[in-house]
Amino acid sequence: MTLHRVAARRDQNEKVICEALNRVGVVTWRISAPGVPDLLCGHRGRWFLIEVKFKRAGLSPDQQRFHAVAATLKLPVHTVRTVEEALDVVGGVAP
């Protein structure tokens, strides 16, 4: 079983969010597996799981299950909709 789906649907704002994170020194990896957050980000010795949502889109049932399991492990998953929200997660500054 692979962790990457062939034609994973990406949110429209994901590219601009990744670009903004990269500009402030965040390394981003796009992840494609059912329920798993969209991005694994590394910055200043810390790791972040980020779920990117467009406008008012909600979490899928698989994503809700992942978030619940992650919470029991004290592993935060951050849901962002804008560049500013993503930069806040990693403690960056607006480009």
Protein backbone atom coordinates (compact mmCIF):
# COMPACT_ATOMS: atom_id res chain seq x y z
CA MET A 1 0.00 0.00 0.00
CA THR A 2 1.32 3.41 -0.88
CA LEU A 3 0.98 6.62 1.11
CA HIS A 4 0.49 8.61 -2.09
CA ARG A 5 -2.72 8.63 -4.06
CA VAL A 6 -2.31 9.06 -7.78
CA ALA A 7 -4.65 12.01 -8.32
CA ALA A 8 -5.02 13.50 -4.85
CA ARG A 9 -7.28 16.53 -4.82
CA ARG A 10 -5.48 19.59 -3.45
CA ASP A 11 -7.12 22.72 -2.09
CA GLN A 12 -6.80 25.79 -4.32
CA ASN A 13 -4.93 27.80 -1.69
CA GLU A 14 -2.35 25.10 -0.84
CA LYS A 15 0.24 26.22 -3.40
CA VAL A 16 0.30 29.85 -2.24
CA ILE A 17 0.45 28.72 1.41
CA CYS A 18 3.43 26.43 0.68
CA GLU A 19 5.20 29.23 -1.21
CA ALA A 20 4.73 31.65 1.69
CA LEU A 21 5.97 29.10 4.22
CA ASN A 22 9.02 28.37 2.05
CA ARG A 23 9.84 32.10 1.83
CA VAL A 24 10.25 32.27 5.63
CA GLY A 25 12.43 29.15 5.75
CA VAL A 26 9.83 26.44 6.37
CA VAL A 27 10.45 23.14 4.61
CA THR A 28 7.17 21.66 3.35
CA TRP A 29 6.24 18.17 2.20
CA ARG A 30 2.88 17.48 0.62
CA ILE A 31 1.29 14.31 1.95
CA SER A 32 -1.43 12.33 0.17
CA ALA A 33 -3.20 9.66 2.16
CA PRO A 34 -6.85 9.44 3.22
CA GLY A 35 -7.38 11.44 6.40
CA VAL A 36 -3.74 12.48 6.81
CA PRO A 37 -3.01 16.24 6.95
CA ASP A 38 -1.92 17.90 3.70
CA LEU A 39 1.47 19.18 4.84
CA LEU A 40 4.36 18.07 7.01
CA CYS A 41 6.39 21.19 7.77
CA GLY A 42 9.75 21.63 9.47
CA HIS A 43 10.89 24.95 10.92
CA ARG A 44 13.48 25.91 13.56
CA GLY A 45 13.84 22.39 14.89
CA ARG A 46 10.10 21.73 15.16
CA TRP A 47 7.62 19.73 13.09
CA PHE A 48 4.07 20.73 12.21
CA LEU A 49 1.15 18.88 10.63
CA ILE A 50 -1.04 21.26 8.67
CA GLU A 51 -4.42 20.60 7.08
CA VAL A 52 -5.18 23.15 4.36
CA LYS A 53 -8.83 23.97 3.75
CA PHE A 54 -10.31 26.29 1.15
CA LYS A 55 -12.87 28.81 2.34
CA ARG A 56 -15.36 27.10 4.66
CA ALA A 57 -14.65 23.48 3.75
CA GLY A 58 -14.82 21.13 6.70
CA LEU A 59 -12.90 18.02 7.68
CA SER A 60 -13.82 14.73 6.06
CA PRO A 61 -14.73 11.79 8.32
CA ASP A 62 -11.24 10.31 7.74
CA GLN A 63 -9.64 13.63 8.69
CA GLN A 64 -11.79 13.88 11.80
CA ARG A 65 -10.62 10.41 12.87
CA PHE A 66 -6.96 11.33 12.25
CA HIS A 67 -7.32 14.56 14.26
CA ALA A 68 -8.94 12.63 17.14
CA VAL A 69 -6.14 10.03 17.24
CA ALA A 70 -3.49 12.74 16.96
CA ALA A 71 -5.08 14.61 19.88
CA THR A 72 -4.85 11.52 22.10
CA LEU A 73 -1.13 11.42 21.28
CA LYS A 74 -0.77 15.15 22.04
CA LEU A 75 0.21 15.68 18.40
CA PRO A 76 -1.48 18.86 17.19
CA VAL A 77 -2.84 19.10 13.68
CA HIS A 78 -3.39 22.70 12.58
CA THR A 79 -6.15 23.58 10.12
CA VAL A 80 -5.44 26.71 8.08
CA ARG A 81 -7.26 28.57 5.35
CA THR A 82 -4.94 31.53 4.73
CA VAL A 83 -1.26 32.34 4.43
CA GLU A 84 -1.47 34.35 7.64
CA GLU A 85 -2.90 31.40 9.58
CA ALA A 86 -0.16 29.11 8.27
CA LEU A 87 2.56 31.59 9.22
CA ASP A 88 1.06 31.92 12.70
CA VAL A 89 1.29 28.14 13.14
CA VAL A 90 5.03 28.08 12.50
CA GLY A 91 5.76 31.36 14.25
CA GLY A 92 6.83 33.05 11.03
CA VAL A 93 6.27 36.57 9.87
CA ALA A 94 4.19 37.67 6.92
CA PRO A 95 6.32 37.93 3.76
